[in-house]
PDB file of N, CA and C in Angstrom:
ATOM      1  N   MET A   1     -57.293 103.671  30.811  1.00  0.00           N
ATOM      2  CA  MET A   1     -57.945 103.502  29.571  1.00  0.00           C
ATOM      3  C   MET A   1     -56.904 103.701  28.457  1.00  0.00           C
ATOM      4  N   ASP A   2     -56.902 102.689  27.485  1.00  0.00           N
ATOM      5  CA  ASP A   2     -55.909 102.725  26.493  1.00  0.00           C
ATOM      6  C   ASP A   2     -56.376 103.267  25.138  1.00  0.00           C
ATOM      7  N   GLY A   3     -57.702 103.481  25.014  1.00  0.00           N
ATOM      8  CA  GLY A   3     -58.314 104.024  23.756  1.00  0.00           C
ATOM      9  C   GLY A   3     -58.492 102.904  22.659  1.00  0.00           C
ATOM     10  N   THR A   4     -58.405 101.568  23.026  1.00  0.00           N
ATOM     11  CA  THR A   4     -58.708 100.561  22.060  1.00  0.00           C
ATOM     12  C   THR A   4     -60.141 100.526  21.800  1.00  0.00           C
ATOM     13  N   ALA A   5     -60.515  99.550  20.825  1.00  0.00           N
ATOM     14  CA  ALA A   5     -62.069  99.409  20.502  1.00  0.00           C
ATOM     15  C   ALA A   5     -62.739  98.976  21.779  1.00  0.00           C
ATOM     16  N   HIS A   6     -62.115  98.347  22.745  1.00  0.00           N
ATOM     17  CA  HIS A   6     -62.928  97.895  23.858  1.00  0.00           C
ATOM     18  C   HIS A   6     -62.856  98.793  25.054  1.00  0.00           C
ATOM     19  N   THR A   7     -62.183  99.813  24.979  1.00  0.00           N
ATOM     20  CA  THR A   7     -62.109 100.879  26.002  1.00  0.00           C
ATOM     21  C   THR A   7     -62.285 102.221  25.281  1.00  0.00           C
ATOM     22  N   PRO A   8     -63.446 102.775  25.331  1.00  0.00           N
ATOM     23  CA  PRO A   8     -63.905 103.962  24.657  1.00  0.00           C
ATOM     24  C   PRO A   8     -63.103 105.153  25.274  1.00  0.00           C
ATOM     25  N   PRO A   9     -62.966 106.155  24.398  1.00  0.00           N
ATOM     26  CA  PRO A   9     -62.537 107.512  25.001  1.00  0.00           C
ATOM     27  C   PRO A   9     -63.501 107.889  26.020  1.00  0.00           C
ATOM     28  N   GLN A  10     -63.055 108.713  27.016  1.00  0.00           N
ATOM     29  CA  GLN A  10     -63.904 109.213  28.055  1.00  0.00           C
ATOM     30  C   GLN A  10     -64.173 110.663  28.047  1.00  0.00           C
ATOM     31  N   PRO A  11     -65.349 111.115  28.385  1.00  0.00           N
ATOM     32  CA  PRO A  11     -65.608 112.607  28.451  1.00  0.00           C
ATOM     33  C   PRO A  11     -64.555 113.327  29.211  1.00  0.00           C
ATOM     34  N   GLY A  12     -64.066 114.401  28.734  1.00  0.00           N
ATOM     35  CA  GLY A  12     -62.996 115.101  29.377  1.00  0.00           C
ATOM     36  C   GLY A  12     -61.562 114.850  28.960  1.00  0.00           C
ATOM     37  N   GLU A  13     -61.470 113.651  28.232  1.00  0.00           N
ATOM     38  CA  GLU A  13     -60.121 113.339  27.705  1.00  0.00           C
ATOM     39  C   GLU A  13     -59.813 114.213  26.385  1.00  0.00           C
ATOM     40  N   VAL A  14     -58.568 114.514  26.230  1.00  0.00           N
ATOM     41  CA  VAL A  14     -58.154 115.273  25.037  1.00  0.00           C
ATOM     42  C   VAL A  14     -57.106 114.481  24.279  1.00  0.00           C
ATOM     43  N   TYR A  15     -57.277 114.481  22.902  1.00  0.00           N
ATOM     44  CA  TYR A  15     -56.443 113.731  21.972  1.00  0.00           C
ATOM     45  C   TYR A  15     -55.821 114.700  21.035  1.00  0.00           C
ATOM     46  N   ALA A  16     -54.554 114.367  20.663  1.00  0.00           N
ATOM     47  CA  ALA A  16     -53.901 115.077  19.554  1.00  0.00           C
ATOM     48  C   ALA A  16     -53.809 114.159  18.442  1.00  0.00           C
ATOM     49  N   LEU A  17     -54.624 114.321  17.445  1.00  0.00           N
ATOM     50  CA  LEU A  17     -54.794 113.354  16.363  1.00  0.00           C
ATOM     51  C   LEU A  17     -54.190 113.886  14.940  1.00  0.00           C
ATOM     52  N   PRO A  18     -53.379 112.958  14.380  1.00  0.00           N
ATOM     53  CA  PRO A  18     -53.026 113.160  12.959  1.00  0.00           C
ATOM     54  C   PRO A  18     -54.339 112.869  12.089  1.00  0.00           C
ATOM     55  N   GLU A  19     -54.257 113.462  10.904  1.00  0.00           N
ATOM     56  CA  GLU A  19     -55.508 113.292  10.057  1.00  0.00           C
ATOM     57  C   GLU A  19     -55.855 111.892   9.729  1.00  0.00           C
ATOM     58  N   GLU A  20     -54.965 110.850   9.815  1.00  0.00           N
ATOM     59  CA  GLU A  20     -55.435 109.479   9.461  1.00  0.00           C
ATOM     60  C   GLU A  20     -56.198 108.814  10.616  1.00  0.00           C
ATOM     61  N   ASN A  21     -56.297 109.523  11.692  1.00  0.00           N
ATOM     62  CA  ASN A  21     -56.913 108.856  12.854  1.00  0.00           C
ATOM     63  C   ASN A  21     -58.289 109.505  13.126  1.00  0.00           C
ATOM     64  N   TYR A  22     -58.810 110.249  12.139  1.00  0.00           N
ATOM     65  CA  TYR A  22     -60.175 110.718  12.339  1.00  0.00           C
ATOM     66  C   TYR A  22     -60.813 110.949  10.863  1.00  0.00           C
ATOM     67  N   ARG A  23     -62.070 110.919  10.786  1.00  0.00           N
ATOM     68  CA  ARG A  23     -62.831 111.249   9.548  1.00  0.00           C
ATOM     69  C   ARG A  23     -63.244 112.592   9.572  1.00  0.00           C
ATOM     70  N   TYR A  24     -63.155 113.408   8.736  1.00  0.00           N
ATOM     71  CA  TYR A  24     -62.572 113.445   7.452  1.00  0.00           C
ATOM     72  C   TYR A  24     -61.390 114.500   7.658  1.00  0.00           C
ATOM     73  N   GLY A  25     -60.160 113.893   7.632  1.00  0.00           N
ATOM     74  CA  GLY A  25     -58.967 114.644   7.961  1.00  0.00           C
ATOM     75  C   GLY A  25     -58.850 116.018   7.281  1.00  0.00           C
ATOM     76  N   ILE A  26     -58.428 116.955   8.098  1.00  0.00           N
ATOM     77  CA  ILE A  26     -58.075 118.295   7.554  1.00  0.00           C
ATOM     78  C   ILE A  26     -56.727 118.692   8.183  1.00  0.00           C
ATOM     79  N   GLY A  27     -55.864 117.688   8.506  1.00  0.00           N
ATOM     80  CA  GLY A  27     -54.541 118.017   9.203  1.00  0.00           C
ATOM     81  C   GLY A  27     -54.708 117.701  10.670  1.00  0.00           C
ATOM     82  N   PRO A  28     -53.678 117.948  11.448  1.00  0.00           N
ATOM     83  CA  PRO A  28     -53.621 117.583  12.777  1.00  0.00           C
ATOM     84  C   PRO A  28     -54.764 118.388  13.581  1.00  0.00           C
ATOM     85  N   VAL A  29     -55.324 117.741  14.596  1.00  0.00           N
ATOM     86  CA  VAL A  29     -56.274 118.495  15.430  1.00  0.00           C
ATOM     87  C   VAL A  29     -56.154 117.990  16.854  1.00  0.00           C
ATOM     88  N   LEU A  30     -56.705 118.870  17.695  1.00  0.00           N
ATOM     89  CA  LEU A  30     -56.881 118.565  19.162  1.00  0.00           C
ATOM     90  C   LEU A  30     -58.439 118.309  19.357  1.00  0.00           C
ATOM     91  N   VAL A  31     -58.692 117.212  20.059  1.00  0.00           N
ATOM     92  CA  VAL A  31     -60.076 116.727  20.229  1.00  0.00           C
ATOM     93  C   VAL A  31     -60.384 116.607  21.774  1.00  0.00           C
ATOM     94  N   HIS A  32     -61.338 117.344  22.258  1.00  0.00           N
ATOM     95  CA  HIS A  32     -61.773 117.301  23.746  1.00  0.00           C
ATOM     96  C   HIS A  32     -63.091 116.506  23.749  1.00  0.00           C
ATOM     97  N   ILE A  33     -63.093 115.335  24.198  1.00  0.00           N
ATOM     98  CA  ILE A  33     -64.299 114.425  24.249  1.00  0.00           C
ATOM     99  C   ILE A  33     -65.430 115.018  25.021  1.00  0.00           C
ATOM    100  N   VAL A  34     -66.595 115.143  24.485  1.00  0.00           N
ATOM    101  CA  VAL A  34     -67.795 115.591  25.299  1.00  0.00           C
ATOM    102  C   VAL A  34     -68.594 114.355  25.699  1.00  0.00           C
ATOM    103  N   SER A  35     -68.950 113.552  24.567  1.00  0.00           N
ATOM    104  CA  SER A  35     -69.633 112.268  24.813  1.00  0.00           C
ATOM    105  C   SER A  35     -69.245 111.192  23.824  1.00  0.00           C
ATOM    106  N   VAL A  36     -69.419 110.005  24.147  1.00  0.00           N
ATOM    107  CA  VAL A  36     -69.173 108.885  23.207  1.00  0.00           C
ATOM    108  C   VAL A  36     -70.524 108.323  22.829  1.00  0.00           C
ATOM    109  N   ASN A  37     -70.753 108.279  21.525  1.00  0.00           N
ATOM    110  CA  ASN A  37     -72.070 107.913  20.976  1.00  0.00           C
ATOM    111  C   ASN A  37     -72.166 106.459  20.481  1.00  0.00           C
ATOM    112  N   ALA A  38     -71.141 105.938  19.913  1.00  0.00           N
ATOM    113  CA  ALA A  38     -71.290 104.566  19.305  1.00  0.00           C
ATOM    114  C   ALA A  38     -69.870 104.128  18.792  1.00  0.00           C
ATOM    115  N   LEU A  39     -69.764 102.803  18.715  1.00  0.00           N
ATOM    116  CA  LEU A  39     -68.605 102.148  18.082  1.00  0.00           C
ATOM    117  C   LEU A  39     -69.169 101.619  16.658  1.00  0.00           C
ATOM    118  N   LEU A  40     -68.502 102.005  15.650  1.00  0.00           N
ATOM    119  CA  LEU A  40     -68.955 101.730  14.329  1.00  0.00           C
ATOM    120  C   LEU A  40     -67.885 101.067  13.418  1.00  0.00           C
ATOM    121  N   PRO A  41     -68.197 100.217  12.543  1.00  0.00           N
ATOM    122  CA  PRO A  41     -67.226  99.701  11.561  1.00  0.00           C
ATOM    123  C   PRO A  41     -67.013 100.770  10.458  1.00  0.00           C
ATOM    124  N   TYR A  42     -65.803 100.827   9.997  1.00  0.00           N
ATOM    125  CA  TYR A  42     -65.518 101.579   8.787  1.00  0.00           C
ATOM    126  C   TYR A  42     -64.294 101.044   8.183  1.00  0.00           C
ATOM    127  N   HIS A  43     -64.308 100.561   6.942  1.00  0.00           N
ATOM    128  CA  HIS A  43     -63.297  99.928   6.217  1.00  0.00           C
ATOM    129  C   HIS A  43     -62.590  98.803   7.095  1.00  0.00           C
ATOM    130  N   ASP A  44     -63.458  97.913   7.658  1.00  0.00           N
ATOM    131  CA  ASP A  44     -63.081  96.842   8.479  1.00  0.00           C
ATOM    132  C   ASP A  44     -62.351  97.199   9.735  1.00  0.00           C
ATOM    133  N   GLU A  45     -62.525  98.436  10.242  1.00  0.00           N
ATOM    134  CA  GLU A  45     -61.866  98.803  11.459  1.00  0.00           C
ATOM    135  C   GLU A  45     -62.912  99.423  12.405  1.00  0.00           C
ATOM    136  N   PRO A  46     -62.687  99.424  13.679  1.00  0.00           N
ATOM    137  CA  PRO A  46     -63.584  99.964  14.657  1.00  0.00           C
ATOM    138  C   PRO A  46     -63.328 101.427  14.734  1.00  0.00           C
ATOM    139  N   TRP A  47     -64.339 102.261  14.709  1.00  0.00           N
ATOM    140  CA  TRP A  47     -64.263 103.756  14.824  1.00  0.00           C
ATOM    141  C   TRP A  47     -65.250 104.237  15.886  1.00  0.00           C
ATOM    142  N   TRP A  48     -64.774 105.113  16.846  1.00  0.00           N
ATOM    143  CA  TRP A  48     -65.730 105.655  17.813  1.00  0.00           C
ATOM    144  C   TRP A  48     -66.338 106.958  17.281  1.00  0.00           C
ATOM    145  N   GLN A  49     -67.709 106.930  17.346  1.00  0.00           N
ATOM    146  CA  GLN A  49     -68.425 108.182  17.022  1.00  0.00           C
ATOM    147  C   GLN A  49     -68.566 108.980  18.244  1.00  0.00           C
ATOM    148  N   VAL A  50     -68.035 110.204  18.268  1.00  0.00           N
ATOM    149  CA  VAL A  50     -68.128 111.055  19.505  1.00  0.00           C
ATOM    150  C   VAL A  50     -68.635 112.364  19.220  1.00  0.00           C
ATOM    151  N   THR A  51     -69.038 113.056  20.231  1.00  0.00           N
ATOM    152  CA  THR A  51     -69.378 114.429  20.217  1.00  0.00           C
ATOM    153  C   THR A  51     -68.192 115.159  20.890  1.00  0.00           C
ATOM    154  N   ALA A  52     -67.540 116.092  20.314  1.00  0.00           N
ATOM    155  CA  ALA A  52     -66.368 116.644  20.832  1.00  0.00           C
ATOM    156  C   ALA A  52     -66.251 118.152  20.435  1.00  0.00           C
ATOM    157  N   ASP A  53     -65.315 118.846  21.214  1.00  0.00           N
ATOM    158  CA  ASP A  53     -64.868 120.130  20.794  1.00  0.00           C
ATOM    159  C   ASP A  53     -63.506 119.895  20.097  1.00  0.00           C
ATOM    160  N   PHE A  54     -63.174 120.660  19.091  1.00  0.00           N
ATOM    161  CA  PHE A  54     -62.000 120.348  18.391  1.00  0.00           C
ATOM    162  C   PHE A  54     -61.398 121.759  17.927  1.00  0.00           C
ATOM    163  N   THR A  55     -60.161 121.788  17.765  1.00  0.00           N
ATOM    164  CA  THR A  55     -59.397 122.902  17.201  1.00  0.00           C
ATOM    165  C   THR A  55     -58.265 122.306  16.177  1.00  0.00           C
ATOM    166  N   PRO A  56     -58.039 122.934  15.182  1.00  0.00           N
ATOM    167  CA  PRO A  56     -56.931 122.614  14.284  1.00  0.00           C
ATOM    168  C   PRO A  56     -55.588 122.839  14.992  1.00  0.00           C
ATOM    169  N   GLY A  57     -54.611 121.977  14.704  1.00  0.00           N
ATOM    170  CA  GLY A  57     -53.298 122.174  15.240  1.00  0.00           C
ATOM    171  C   GLY A  57     -52.737 121.036  16.053  1.00  0.00           C
ATOM    172  N   THR A  58     -51.608 121.280  16.738  1.00  0.00           N
ATOM    173  CA  THR A  58     -50.920 120.340  17.623  1.00  0.00           C
ATOM    174  C   THR A  58     -50.882 120.944  18.976  1.00  0.00           C
ATOM    175  N   PRO A  59     -50.462 120.189  19.947  1.00  0.00           N
ATOM    176  CA  PRO A  59     -50.338 120.753  21.339  1.00  0.00           C
ATOM    177  C   PRO A  59     -49.333 122.020  21.425  1.00  0.00           C
ATOM    178  N   GLU A  60     -48.427 121.957  20.540  1.00  0.00           N
ATOM    179  CA  GLU A  60     -47.434 123.124  20.564  1.00  0.00           C
ATOM    180  C   GLU A  60     -47.948 124.319  19.782  1.00  0.00           C
ATOM    181  N   ARG A  61     -48.847 124.108  18.872  1.00  0.00           N
ATOM    182  CA  ARG A  61     -49.357 125.146  18.022  1.00  0.00           C
ATOM    183  C   ARG A  61     -50.837 124.875  17.537  1.00  0.00           C
ATOM    184  N   PHE A  62     -51.753 125.569  18.186  1.00  0.00           N
ATOM    185  CA  PHE A  62     -53.173 125.326  17.913  1.00  0.00           C
ATOM    186  C   PHE A  62     -53.938 126.621  17.973  1.00  0.00           C
ATOM    187  N   SER A  63     -55.144 126.649  17.464  1.00  0.00           N
ATOM    188  CA  SER A  63     -56.029 127.720  17.424  1.00  0.00           C
ATOM    189  C   SER A  63     -56.782 127.803  18.820  1.00  0.00           C
ATOM    190  N   PRO A  64     -56.957 128.868  19.427  1.00  0.00           N
ATOM    191  CA  PRO A  64     -57.683 128.966  20.694  1.00  0.00           C
ATOM    192  C   PRO A  64     -59.226 128.897  20.490  1.00  0.00           C
ATOM    193  N   ASP A  65     -59.710 128.843  19.215  1.00  0.00           N
ATOM    194  CA  ASP A  65     -61.130 128.675  19.025  1.00  0.00           C
ATOM    195  C   ASP A  65     -61.521 127.198  18.787  1.00  0.00           C
ATOM    196  N   TRP A  66     -62.103 126.718  19.802  1.00  0.00           N
ATOM    197  CA  TRP A  66     -62.565 125.300  19.876  1.00  0.00           C
ATOM    198  C   TRP A  66     -64.079 125.361  19.345  1.00  0.00           C
ATOM    199  N   ARG A  67     -64.351 124.315  18.571  1.00  0.00           N
ATOM    200  CA  ARG A  67     -65.720 124.227  17.874  1.00  0.00           C
ATOM    201  C   ARG A  67     -66.349 122.909  18.155  1.00  0.00           C
ATOM    202  N   PRO A  68     -67.652 122.841  18.437  1.00  0.00           N
ATOM    203  CA  PRO A  68     -68.306 121.502  18.623  1.00  0.00           C
ATOM    204  C   PRO A  68     -68.495 120.816  17.398  1.00  0.00           C
ATOM    205  N   VAL A  69     -68.321 119.439  17.415  1.00  0.00           N
ATOM    206  CA  VAL A  69     -68.548 118.705  16.148  1.00  0.00           C
ATOM    207  C   VAL A  69     -68.815 117.240  16.609  1.00  0.00           C
ATOM    208  N   GLU A  70     -69.410 116.492  15.593  1.00  0.00           N
ATOM    209  CA  GLU A  70     -69.422 115.053  15.732  1.00  0.00           C
ATOM    210  C   GLU A  70     -68.333 114.468  15.013  1.00  0.00           C
ATOM    211  N   PHE A  71     -67.486 113.690  15.594  1.00  0.00           N
ATOM    212  CA  PHE A  71     -66.172 113.199  14.980  1.00  0.00           C
ATOM    213  C   PHE A  71     -66.240 111.641  15.075  1.00  0.00           C
ATOM    214  N   TYR A  72     -65.596 111.173  14.064  1.00  0.00           N
ATOM    215  CA  TYR A  72     -65.364 109.587  14.000  1.00  0.00           C
ATOM    216  C   TYR A  72     -63.811 109.416  14.287  1.00  0.00           C
ATOM    217  N   LEU A  73     -63.465 108.739  15.315  1.00  0.00           N
ATOM    218  CA  LEU A  73     -62.008 108.472  15.658  1.00  0.00           C
ATOM    219  C   LEU A  73     -61.669 107.038  15.501  1.00  0.00           C
ATOM    220  N   ARG A  74     -60.588 106.801  14.792  1.00  0.00           N
ATOM    221  CA  ARG A  74     -60.204 105.444  14.627  1.00  0.00           C
ATOM    222  C   ARG A  74     -59.679 104.836  15.981  1.00  0.00           C
ATOM    223  N   ALA A  75     -60.341 103.841  16.388  1.00  0.00           N
ATOM    224  CA  ALA A  75     -60.099 103.265  17.689  1.00  0.00           C
ATOM    225  C   ALA A  75     -58.621 103.003  17.936  1.00  0.00           C
ATOM    226  N   GLU A  76     -58.017 102.288  17.062  1.00  0.00           N
ATOM    227  CA  GLU A  76     -56.592 101.907  17.184  1.00  0.00           C
ATOM    228  C   GLU A  76     -55.621 103.088  17.190  1.00  0.00           C
ATOM    229  N   GLY A  77     -56.111 104.252  16.729  1.00  0.00           N
ATOM    230  CA  GLY A  77     -55.176 105.484  16.849  1.00  0.00           C
ATOM    231  C   GLY A  77     -55.272 106.246  18.133  1.00  0.00           C
ATOM    232  N   LEU A  78     -56.089 105.899  19.028  1.00  0.00           N
ATOM    233  CA  LEU A  78     -56.361 106.651  20.324  1.00  0.00           C
ATOM    234  C   LEU A  78     -55.289 106.424  21.395  1.00  0.00           C
ATOM    235  N   ALA A  79     -54.815 105.124  21.467  1.00  0.00           N
ATOM    236  CA  ALA A  79     -53.942 104.755  22.548  1.00  0.00           C
ATOM    237  C   ALA A  79     -52.683 105.721  22.721  1.00  0.00           C
ATOM    238  N   SER A  80     -52.071 106.106  21.570  1.00  0.00           N
ATOM    239  CA  SER A  80     -50.879 106.850  21.716  1.00  0.00           C
ATOM    240  C   SER A  80     -51.239 108.372  21.499  1.00  0.00           C
ATOM    241  N   ALA A  81     -52.441 108.730  21.269  1.00  0.00           N
ATOM    242  CA  ALA A  81     -52.814 110.098  21.079  1.00  0.00           C
ATOM    243  C   ALA A  81     -53.334 110.893  22.227  1.00  0.00           C
ATOM    244  N   ARG A  82     -53.624 110.287  23.307  1.00  0.00           N
ATOM    245  CA  ARG A  82     -54.157 110.897  24.445  1.00  0.00           C
ATOM    246  C   ARG A  82     -53.165 111.813  25.143  1.00  0.00           C
ATOM    247  N   ILE A  83     -53.573 113.058  25.430  1.00  0.00           N
ATOM    248  CA  ILE A  83     -52.566 114.118  26.014  1.00  0.00           C
ATOM    249  C   ILE A  83     -53.170 114.493  27.349  1.00  0.00           C
ATOM    250  N   ARG A  84     -52.233 115.076  28.176  1.00  0.00           N
ATOM    251  CA  ARG A  84     -52.830 115.792  29.385  1.00  0.00           C
ATOM    252  C   ARG A  84     -53.090 117.212  28.951  1.00  0.00           C
ATOM    253  N   TRP A  85     -54.281 117.682  29.365  1.00  0.00           N
ATOM    254  CA  TRP A  85     -54.631 119.087  28.960  1.00  0.00           C
ATOM    255  C   TRP A  85     -55.292 119.704  30.186  1.00  0.00           C
ATOM    256  N   PRO A  86     -55.036 121.068  30.448  1.00  0.00           N
ATOM    257  CA  PRO A  86     -54.068 121.842  29.728  1.00  0.00           C
ATOM    258  C   PRO A  86     -52.679 121.489  29.917  1.00  0.00           C
ATOM    259  N   LEU A  87     -51.880 121.861  28.929  1.00  0.00           N
ATOM    260  CA  LEU A  87     -50.480 121.645  28.912  1.00  0.00           C
ATOM    261  C   LEU A  87     -49.831 122.304  30.029  1.00  0.00           C
TER     262      LEU A  87
END
């Protein structure tokens, strides 16, 4: 799976995302996909609407407190953002 618009993220996958690859950015986050809800257009780009657990930070430095949320992930930003978890 490469995380493009045609291959959705999968439950269980974890992504390390910079703020430009999700709405509404608050800095880098780690996102653990729970479910994929829809593919939606936003500013002429495809974005995946997902239910996920997230925590602020990067793989090297993050909060241990994961929170559930509905996220919008930029499809083109997922291919290079998938990480192996746990590290």
